[in-house]
Amino acid sequence: DNVGSREYNLDLSQRRAQTVRDYLSLYGID
């Protein structure tokens, strides 16, 4: 959402996407 600065939210959304990829990788997804 738009709570916080643009730069902060770009970083937070990138880290959250990374968390999802890491989770999928744990279950064998390349």
Full PDB file with SEQRES, HELIX, SHEET, SSBOND, CRYST1, ORIGX, SCALE, CONECT and MASTER records, all heavy atoms in Angstrom:
SEQRES   1 A   30  ASP ASN VAL GLY SER ARG GLU TYR ASN LEU ASP LEU SER          
SEQRES   2 A   30  GLN ARG ARG ALA GLN THR VAL ARG ASP TYR LEU SER LEU          
SEQRES   3 A   30  TYR GLY ILE ASP                                              
HELIX    1 AA1 ARG A    6  LEU A   26  1                                  21    
CRYST1    1.000    1.000    1.000  90.00  90.00  90.00 P 1           1          
ORIGX1      1.000000  0.000000  0.000000        0.00000                         
ORIGX2      0.000000  1.000000  0.000000        0.00000                         
ORIGX3      0.000000  0.000000  1.000000        0.00000                         
SCALE1      1.000000  0.000000  0.000000        0.00000                         
SCALE2      0.000000  1.000000  0.000000        0.00000                         
SCALE3      0.000000  0.000000  1.000000        0.00000                         
ATOM      1  N   ASP A   1       0.859  -1.175   0.000  1.00  0.00           N  
ATOM      2  CA  ASP A   1       0.000   0.000   0.000  1.00  0.00           C  
ATOM      3  C   ASP A   1       0.903   1.235   0.000  1.00  0.00           C  
ATOM      4  O   ASP A   1       2.114   1.127  -0.166  1.00  0.00           O  
ATOM      5  CB  ASP A   1      -0.978  -0.027   1.178  1.00  0.00           C  
ATOM      6  CG  ASP A   1      -0.274  -0.063   2.533  1.00  0.00           C  
ATOM      7  OD1 ASP A   1       0.877   0.413   2.646  1.00  0.00           O  
ATOM      8  OD2 ASP A   1      -0.884  -0.566   3.491  1.00  0.00           O  
ATOM      9  N   ASN A   2       0.337   2.419   0.194  1.00  0.00           N  
ATOM     10  CA  ASN A   2       1.131   3.638   0.106  1.00  0.00           C  
ATOM     11  C   ASN A   2       1.571   4.194   1.459  1.00  0.00           C  
ATOM     12  O   ASN A   2       1.937   5.361   1.562  1.00  0.00           O  
ATOM     13  CB  ASN A   2       0.388   4.712  -0.685  1.00  0.00           C  
ATOM     14  CG  ASN A   2      -0.841   5.229   0.039  1.00  0.00           C  
ATOM     15  OD1 ASN A   2      -1.301   4.646   1.020  1.00  0.00           O  
ATOM     16  ND2 ASN A   2      -1.381   6.332  -0.447  1.00  0.00           N  
ATOM     17  N   VAL A   3       1.555   3.379   2.499  1.00  0.00           N  
ATOM     18  CA  VAL A   3       2.022   3.820   3.810  1.00  0.00           C  
ATOM     19  C   VAL A   3       3.550   3.734   3.811  1.00  0.00           C  
ATOM     20  O   VAL A   3       4.111   2.662   3.587  1.00  0.00           O  
ATOM     21  CB  VAL A   3       1.416   2.962   4.943  1.00  0.00           C  
ATOM     22  CG1 VAL A   3       1.987   3.382   6.284  1.00  0.00           C  
ATOM     23  CG2 VAL A   3      -0.107   3.068   4.935  1.00  0.00           C  
ATOM     24  N   GLY A   4       4.212   4.850   4.016  1.00  0.00           N  
ATOM     25  CA  GLY A   4       5.671   4.896   3.984  1.00  0.00           C  
ATOM     26  C   GLY A   4       6.174   5.472   2.677  1.00  0.00           C  
ATOM     27  O   GLY A   4       5.407   5.749   1.750  1.00  0.00           O  
ATOM     28  N   SER A   5       7.479   5.629   2.594  1.00  0.00           N  
ATOM     29  CA  SER A   5       8.076   6.244   1.408  1.00  0.00           C  
ATOM     30  C   SER A   5       8.104   5.272   0.232  1.00  0.00           C  
ATOM     31  O   SER A   5       8.049   4.048   0.413  1.00  0.00           O  
ATOM     32  CB  SER A   5       9.500   6.708   1.714  1.00  0.00           C  
ATOM     33  OG  SER A   5      10.367   5.588   1.823  1.00  0.00           O  
ATOM     34  N   ARG A   6       8.222   5.818  -0.955  1.00  0.00           N  
ATOM     35  CA  ARG A   6       8.287   5.001  -2.165  1.00  0.00           C  
ATOM     36  C   ARG A   6       9.493   4.074  -2.114  1.00  0.00           C  
ATOM     37  O   ARG A   6       9.385   2.878  -2.399  1.00  0.00           O  
ATOM     38  CB  ARG A   6       8.348   5.897  -3.398  1.00  0.00           C  
ATOM     39  CG  ARG A   6       8.363   5.112  -4.694  1.00  0.00           C  
ATOM     40  CD  ARG A   6       8.319   6.040  -5.918  1.00  0.00           C  
ATOM     41  NE  ARG A   6       8.166   5.264  -7.124  1.00  0.00           N  
ATOM     42  CZ  ARG A   6       9.172   4.677  -7.764  1.00  0.00           C  
ATOM     43  NH1 ARG A   6      10.403   4.793  -7.302  1.00  0.00           N  
ATOM     44  NH2 ARG A   6       8.959   3.972  -8.857  1.00  0.00           N  
ATOM     45  N   GLU A   7      10.651   4.600  -1.760  1.00  0.00           N  
ATOM     46  CA  GLU A   7      11.875   3.802  -1.725  1.00  0.00           C  
ATOM     47  C   GLU A   7      11.764   2.664  -0.719  1.00  0.00           C  
ATOM     48  O   GLU A   7      12.161   1.538  -1.001  1.00  0.00           O  
ATOM     49  CB  GLU A   7      13.089   4.678  -1.379  1.00  0.00           C  
ATOM     50  CG  GLU A   7      13.431   5.719  -2.427  1.00  0.00           C  
ATOM     51  CD  GLU A   7      12.498   6.928  -2.407  1.00  0.00           C  
ATOM     52  OE1 GLU A   7      11.872   7.214  -1.350  1.00  0.00           O  
ATOM     53  OE2 GLU A   7      12.355   7.573  -3.463  1.00  0.00           O  
ATOM     54  N   TYR A   8      11.216   2.968   0.444  1.00  0.00           N  
ATOM     55  CA  TYR A   8      11.076   1.929   1.468  1.00  0.00           C  
ATOM     56  C   TYR A   8      10.148   0.814   0.984  1.00  0.00           C  
ATOM     57  O   TYR A   8      10.434  -0.373   1.146  1.00  0.00           O  
ATOM     58  CB  TYR A   8      10.573   2.512   2.790  1.00  0.00           C  
ATOM     59  CG  TYR A   8      10.492   1.440   3.843  1.00  0.00           C  
ATOM     60  CD1 TYR A   8      11.636   1.050   4.535  1.00  0.00           C  
ATOM     61  CD2 TYR A   8       9.303   0.770   4.100  1.00  0.00           C  
ATOM     62  CE1 TYR A   8      11.587   0.029   5.476  1.00  0.00           C  
ATOM     63  CE2 TYR A   8       9.250  -0.253   5.031  1.00  0.00           C  
ATOM     64  CZ  TYR A   8      10.393  -0.608   5.715  1.00  0.00           C  
ATOM     65  OH  TYR A   8      10.342  -1.622   6.634  1.00  0.00           O  
ATOM     66  N   ASN A   9       9.028   1.193   0.387  1.00  0.00           N  
ATOM     67  CA  ASN A   9       8.064   0.197  -0.071  1.00  0.00           C  
ATOM     68  C   ASN A   9       8.590  -0.619  -1.251  1.00  0.00           C  
ATOM     69  O   ASN A   9       8.262  -1.796  -1.374  1.00  0.00           O  
ATOM     70  CB  ASN A   9       6.726   0.855  -0.402  1.00  0.00           C  
ATOM     71  CG  ASN A   9       5.887   1.054   0.837  1.00  0.00           C  
ATOM     72  OD1 ASN A   9       5.426   0.104   1.435  1.00  0.00           O  
ATOM     73  ND2 ASN A   9       5.723   2.307   1.249  1.00  0.00           N  
ATOM     74  N   LEU A  10       9.407  -0.019  -2.102  1.00  0.00           N  
ATOM     75  CA  LEU A  10      10.034  -0.793  -3.172  1.00  0.00           C  
ATOM     76  C   LEU A  10      10.929  -1.877  -2.575  1.00  0.00           C  
ATOM     77  O   LEU A  10      10.897  -3.030  -3.010  1.00  0.00           O  
ATOM     78  CB  LEU A  10      10.845   0.120  -4.092  1.00  0.00           C  
ATOM     79  CG  LEU A  10      10.036   0.968  -5.072  1.00  0.00           C  
ATOM     80  CD1 LEU A  10      10.942   1.983  -5.774  1.00  0.00           C  
ATOM     81  CD2 LEU A  10       9.328   0.088  -6.096  1.00  0.00           C  
ATOM     82  N   ASP A  11      11.717  -1.509  -1.580  1.00  0.00           N  
ATOM     83  CA  ASP A  11      12.599  -2.481  -0.927  1.00  0.00           C  
ATOM     84  C   ASP A  11      11.791  -3.557  -0.198  1.00  0.00           C  
ATOM     85  O   ASP A  11      12.084  -4.747  -0.321  1.00  0.00           O  
ATOM     86  CB  ASP A  11      13.531  -1.764   0.054  1.00  0.00           C  
ATOM     87  CG  ASP A  11      14.417  -2.745   0.813  1.00  0.00           C  
ATOM     88  OD1 ASP A  11      15.259  -3.412   0.175  1.00  0.00           O  
ATOM     89  OD2 ASP A  11      14.242  -2.855   2.052  1.00  0.00           O  
ATOM     90  N   LEU A  12      10.772  -3.153   0.552  1.00  0.00           N  
ATOM     91  CA  LEU A  12       9.947  -4.110   1.295  1.00  0.00           C  
ATOM     92  C   LEU A  12       9.257  -5.088   0.342  1.00  0.00           C  
ATOM     93  O   LEU A  12       9.250  -6.307   0.573  1.00  0.00           O  
ATOM     94  CB  LEU A  12       8.900  -3.373   2.134  1.00  0.00           C  
ATOM     95  CG  LEU A  12       7.936  -4.241   2.942  1.00  0.00           C  
ATOM     96  CD1 LEU A  12       8.678  -5.091   3.963  1.00  0.00           C  
ATOM     97  CD2 LEU A  12       6.885  -3.359   3.625  1.00  0.00           C  
ATOM     98  N   SER A  13       8.711  -4.589  -0.756  1.00  0.00           N  
ATOM     99  CA  SER A  13       8.019  -5.475  -1.695  1.00  0.00           C  
ATOM    100  C   SER A  13       9.000  -6.434  -2.372  1.00  0.00           C  
ATOM    101  O   SER A  13       8.667  -7.593  -2.623  1.00  0.00           O  
ATOM    102  CB  SER A  13       7.239  -4.660  -2.729  1.00  0.00           C  
ATOM    103  OG  SER A  13       8.090  -3.833  -3.495  1.00  0.00           O  
ATOM    104  N   GLN A  14      10.220  -5.993  -2.615  1.00  0.00           N  
ATOM    105  CA  GLN A  14      11.245  -6.864  -3.193  1.00  0.00           C  
ATOM    106  C   GLN A  14      11.615  -7.971  -2.200  1.00  0.00           C  
ATOM    107  O   GLN A  14      11.728  -9.143  -2.579  1.00  0.00           O  
ATOM    108  CB  GLN A  14      12.488  -6.047  -3.566  1.00  0.00           C  
ATOM    109  CG  GLN A  14      13.597  -6.850  -4.193  1.00  0.00           C  
ATOM    110  CD  GLN A  14      13.333  -7.234  -5.639  1.00  0.00           C  
ATOM    111  OE1 GLN A  14      12.525  -6.611  -6.317  1.00  0.00           O  
ATOM    112  NE2 GLN A  14      14.013  -8.257  -6.113  1.00  0.00           N  
ATOM    113  N   ARG A  15      11.782  -7.602  -0.924  1.00  0.00           N  
ATOM    114  CA  ARG A  15      12.124  -8.601   0.095  1.00  0.00           C  
ATOM    115  C   ARG A  15      10.999  -9.606   0.291  1.00  0.00           C  
ATOM    116  O   ARG A  15      11.245 -10.806   0.493  1.00  0.00           O  
ATOM    117  CB  ARG A  15      12.474  -7.916   1.421  1.00  0.00           C  
ATOM    118  CG  ARG A  15      13.789  -7.166   1.378  1.00  0.00           C  
ATOM    119  CD  ARG A  15      14.208  -6.590   2.723  1.00  0.00           C  
ATOM    120  NE  ARG A  15      13.347  -5.479   3.098  1.00  0.00           N  
ATOM    121  CZ  ARG A  15      12.689  -5.384   4.261  1.00  0.00           C  
ATOM    122  NH1 ARG A  15      12.791  -6.331   5.175  1.00  0.00           N  
ATOM    123  NH2 ARG A  15      11.928  -4.339   4.535  1.00  0.00           N  
ATOM    124  N   ARG A  16       9.766  -9.174   0.201  1.00  0.00           N  
ATOM    125  CA  ARG A  16       8.631 -10.091   0.338  1.00  0.00           C  
ATOM    126  C   ARG A  16       8.545 -11.043  -0.850  1.00  0.00           C  
ATOM    127  O   ARG A  16       8.277 -12.233  -0.678  1.00  0.00           O  
ATOM    128  CB  ARG A  16       7.332  -9.310   0.521  1.00  0.00           C  
ATOM    129  CG  ARG A  16       7.254  -8.676   1.905  1.00  0.00           C  
ATOM    130  CD  ARG A  16       6.009  -7.872   2.104  1.00  0.00           C  
ATOM    131  NE  ARG A  16       5.883  -7.444   3.496  1.00  0.00           N  
ATOM    132  CZ  ARG A  16       4.880  -6.717   3.966  1.00  0.00           C  
ATOM    133  NH1 ARG A  16       3.895  -6.342   3.157  1.00  0.00           N  
ATOM    134  NH2 ARG A  16       4.843  -6.380   5.237  1.00  0.00           N  
ATOM    135  N   ALA A  17       8.795 -10.546  -2.053  1.00  0.00           N  
ATOM    136  CA  ALA A  17       8.835 -11.421  -3.225  1.00  0.00           C  
ATOM    137  C   ALA A  17       9.953 -12.453  -3.068  1.00  0.00           C  
ATOM    138  O   ALA A  17       9.779 -13.629  -3.397  1.00  0.00           O  
ATOM    139  CB  ALA A  17       9.022 -10.593  -4.495  1.00  0.00           C  
ATOM    140  N   GLN A  18      11.091 -12.028  -2.528  1.00  0.00           N  
ATOM    141  CA  GLN A  18      12.219 -12.933  -2.289  1.00  0.00           C  
ATOM    142  C   GLN A  18      11.827 -14.022  -1.284  1.00  0.00           C  
ATOM    143  O   GLN A  18      12.170 -15.190  -1.467  1.00  0.00           O  
ATOM    144  CB  GLN A  18      13.421 -12.160  -1.760  1.00  0.00           C  
ATOM    145  CG  GLN A  18      14.627 -13.015  -1.411  1.00  0.00           C  
ATOM    146  CD  GLN A  18      15.298 -13.611  -2.632  1.00  0.00           C  
ATOM    147  OE1 GLN A  18      15.585 -12.893  -3.577  1.00  0.00           O  
ATOM    148  NE2 GLN A  18      15.542 -14.915  -2.614  1.00  0.00           N  
ATOM    149  N   THR A  19      11.089 -13.651  -0.260  1.00  0.00           N  
ATOM    150  CA  THR A  19      10.644 -14.626   0.735  1.00  0.00           C  
ATOM    151  C   THR A  19       9.776 -15.699   0.090  1.00  0.00           C  
ATOM    152  O   THR A  19       9.919 -16.886   0.387  1.00  0.00           O  
ATOM    153  CB  THR A  19       9.874 -13.916   1.873  1.00  0.00           C  
ATOM    154  OG1 THR A  19      10.762 -13.013   2.533  1.00  0.00           O  
ATOM    155  CG2 THR A  19       9.307 -14.897   2.874  1.00  0.00           C  
ATOM    156  N   VAL A  20       8.878 -15.282  -0.806  1.00  0.00           N  
ATOM    157  CA  VAL A  20       8.012 -16.245  -1.489  1.00  0.00           C  
ATOM    158  C   VAL A  20       8.858 -17.172  -2.368  1.00  0.00           C  
ATOM    159  O   VAL A  20       8.667 -18.390  -2.354  1.00  0.00           O  
ATOM    160  CB  VAL A  20       6.925 -15.520  -2.312  1.00  0.00           C  
ATOM    161  CG1 VAL A  20       6.149 -16.498  -3.189  1.00  0.00           C  
ATOM    162  CG2 VAL A  20       5.971 -14.781  -1.374  1.00  0.00           C  
ATOM    163  N   ARG A  21       9.811 -16.607  -3.110  1.00  0.00           N  
ATOM    164  CA  ARG A  21      10.670 -17.457  -3.945  1.00  0.00           C  
ATOM    165  C   ARG A  21      11.470 -18.433  -3.080  1.00  0.00           C  
ATOM    166  O   ARG A  21      11.600 -19.606  -3.421  1.00  0.00           O  
ATOM    167  CB  ARG A  21      11.616 -16.627  -4.804  1.00  0.00           C  
ATOM    168  CG  ARG A  21      12.459 -17.542  -5.722  1.00  0.00           C  
ATOM    169  CD  ARG A  21      13.280 -16.820  -6.718  1.00  0.00           C  
ATOM    170  NE  ARG A  21      14.422 -16.206  -6.066  1.00  0.00           N  
ATOM    171  CZ  ARG A  21      15.358 -15.535  -6.724  1.00  0.00           C  
ATOM    172  NH1 ARG A  21      15.276 -15.367  -8.031  1.00  0.00           N  
ATOM    173  NH2 ARG A  21      16.372 -15.008  -6.078  1.00  0.00           N  
ATOM    174  N   ASP A  22      12.000 -17.951  -1.959  1.00  0.00           N  
ATOM    175  CA  ASP A  22      12.757 -18.835  -1.065  1.00  0.00           C  
ATOM    176  C   ASP A  22      11.891 -19.977  -0.563  1.00  0.00           C  
ATOM    177  O   ASP A  22      12.347 -21.117  -0.465  1.00  0.00           O  
ATOM    178  CB  ASP A  22      13.332 -18.044   0.115  1.00  0.00           C  
ATOM    179  CG  ASP A  22      14.422 -17.063  -0.296  1.00  0.00           C  
ATOM    180  OD1 ASP A  22      14.917 -17.145  -1.449  1.00  0.00           O  
ATOM    181  OD2 ASP A  22      14.771 -16.199   0.539  1.00  0.00           O  
ATOM    182  N   TYR A  23      10.636 -19.692  -0.229  1.00  0.00           N  
ATOM    183  CA  TYR A  23       9.712 -20.723   0.239  1.00  0.00           C  
ATOM    184  C   TYR A  23       9.502 -21.772  -0.855  1.00  0.00           C  
ATOM    185  O   TYR A  23       9.583 -22.967  -0.605  1.00  0.00           O  
ATOM    186  CB  TYR A  23       8.376 -20.097   0.645  1.00  0.00           C  
ATOM    187  CG  TYR A  23       7.403 -21.085   1.245  1.00  0.00           C  
ATOM    188  CD1 TYR A  23       7.313 -21.240   2.620  1.00  0.00           C  
ATOM    189  CD2 TYR A  23       6.575 -21.865   0.441  1.00  0.00           C  
ATOM    190  CE1 TYR A  23       6.426 -22.155   3.181  1.00  0.00           C  
ATOM    191  CE2 TYR A  23       5.690 -22.777   0.992  1.00  0.00           C  
ATOM    192  CZ  TYR A  23       5.619 -22.914   2.360  1.00  0.00           C  
ATOM    193  OH  TYR A  23       4.745 -23.814   2.902  1.00  0.00           O  
ATOM    194  N   LEU A  24       9.218 -21.316  -2.070  1.00  0.00           N  
ATOM    195  CA  LEU A  24       8.992 -22.251  -3.175  1.00  0.00           C  
ATOM    196  C   LEU A  24      10.246 -23.079  -3.452  1.00  0.00           C  
ATOM    197  O   LEU A  24      10.158 -24.282  -3.728  1.00  0.00           O  
ATOM    198  CB  LEU A  24       8.560 -21.497  -4.429  1.00  0.00           C  
ATOM    199  CG  LEU A  24       7.225 -20.730  -4.333  1.00  0.00           C  
ATOM    200  CD1 LEU A  24       6.966 -19.946  -5.605  1.00  0.00           C  
ATOM    201  CD2 LEU A  24       6.067 -21.639  -4.014  1.00  0.00           C  
ATOM    202  N   SER A  25      11.402 -22.461  -3.343  1.00  0.00           N  
ATOM    203  CA  SER A  25      12.663 -23.172  -3.557  1.00  0.00           C  
ATOM    204  C   SER A  25      12.870 -24.272  -2.523  1.00  0.00           C  
ATOM    205  O   SER A  25      13.418 -25.330  -2.842  1.00  0.00           O  
ATOM    206  CB  SER A  25      13.837 -22.194  -3.520  1.00  0.00           C  
ATOM    207  OG  SER A  25      13.763 -21.300  -4.609  1.00  0.00           O  
ATOM    208  N   LEU A  26      12.419 -24.030  -1.286  1.00  0.00           N  
ATOM    209  CA  LEU A  26      12.527 -25.049  -0.241  1.00  0.00           C  
ATOM    210  C   LEU A  26      11.797 -26.333  -0.619  1.00  0.00           C  
ATOM    211  O   LEU A  26      12.144 -27.409  -0.158  1.00  0.00           O  
ATOM    212  CB  LEU A  26      11.951 -24.534   1.079  1.00  0.00           C  
ATOM    213  CG  LEU A  26      12.792 -23.548   1.866  1.00  0.00           C  
ATOM    214  CD1 LEU A  26      11.991 -23.007   3.050  1.00  0.00           C  
ATOM    215  CD2 LEU A  26      14.066 -24.211   2.354  1.00  0.00           C  
ATOM    216  N   TYR A  27      10.781 -26.205  -1.454  1.00  0.00           N  
ATOM    217  CA  TYR A  27       9.982 -27.354  -1.862  1.00  0.00           C  
ATOM    218  C   TYR A  27      10.368 -27.855  -3.248  1.00  0.00           C  
ATOM    219  O   TYR A  27       9.584 -28.519  -3.923  1.00  0.00           O  
ATOM    220  CB  TYR A  27       8.491 -27.022  -1.768  1.00  0.00           C  
ATOM    221  CG  TYR A  27       8.053 -26.937  -0.330  1.00  0.00           C  
ATOM    222  CD1 TYR A  27       8.150 -25.742   0.373  1.00  0.00           C  
ATOM    223  CD2 TYR A  27       7.616 -28.069   0.346  1.00  0.00           C  
ATOM    224  CE1 TYR A  27       7.800 -25.674   1.717  1.00  0.00           C  
ATOM    225  CE2 TYR A  27       7.253 -28.009   1.680  1.00  0.00           C  
ATOM    226  CZ  TYR A  27       7.353 -26.809   2.357  1.00  0.00           C  
ATOM    227  OH  TYR A  27       7.005 -26.743   3.683  1.00  0.00           O  
ATOM    228  N   GLY A  28      11.588 -27.535  -3.674  1.00  0.00           N  
ATOM    229  CA  GLY A  28      12.132 -28.114  -4.883  1.00  0.00           C  
ATOM    230  C   GLY A  28      11.858 -27.370  -6.168  1.00  0.00           C  
ATOM    231  O   GLY A  28      12.147 -27.881  -7.253  1.00  0.00           O  
ATOM    232  N   ILE A  29      11.297 -26.175  -6.092  1.00  0.00           N  
ATOM    233  CA  ILE A  29      11.054 -25.405  -7.305  1.00  0.00           C  
ATOM    234  C   ILE A  29      12.357 -24.700  -7.683  1.00  0.00           C  
ATOM    235  O   ILE A  29      12.927 -23.960  -6.880  1.00  0.00           O  
ATOM    236  CB  ILE A  29       9.916 -24.372  -7.112  1.00  0.00           C  
ATOM    237  CG1 ILE A  29       8.648 -25.047  -6.563  1.00  0.00           C  
ATOM    238  CG2 ILE A  29       9.643 -23.632  -8.412  1.00  0.00           C  
ATOM    239  CD1 ILE A  29       8.115 -26.200  -7.380  1.00  0.00           C  
ATOM    240  N   ASP A  30      12.834 -24.939  -8.904  1.00  0.00           N  
ATOM    241  CA  ASP A  30      14.088 -24.366  -9.377  1.00  0.00           C  
ATOM    242  C   ASP A  30      13.964 -22.837  -9.432  1.00  0.00           C  
ATOM    243  O   ASP A  30      13.071 -22.304 -10.100  1.00  0.00           O  
ATOM    244  CB  ASP A  30      14.397 -24.930 -10.760  1.00  0.00           C  
ATOM    245  CG  ASP A  30      15.757 -24.510 -11.285  1.00  0.00           C  
ATOM    246  OD1 ASP A  30      16.376 -23.582 -10.733  1.00  0.00           O  
ATOM    247  OD2 ASP A  30      16.190 -25.117 -12.274  1.00  0.00           O  
TER     248      ASP A  30                                                      
MASTER        0    0    0    1    0    0    0    6  247    1    0    3          
END                                                                             
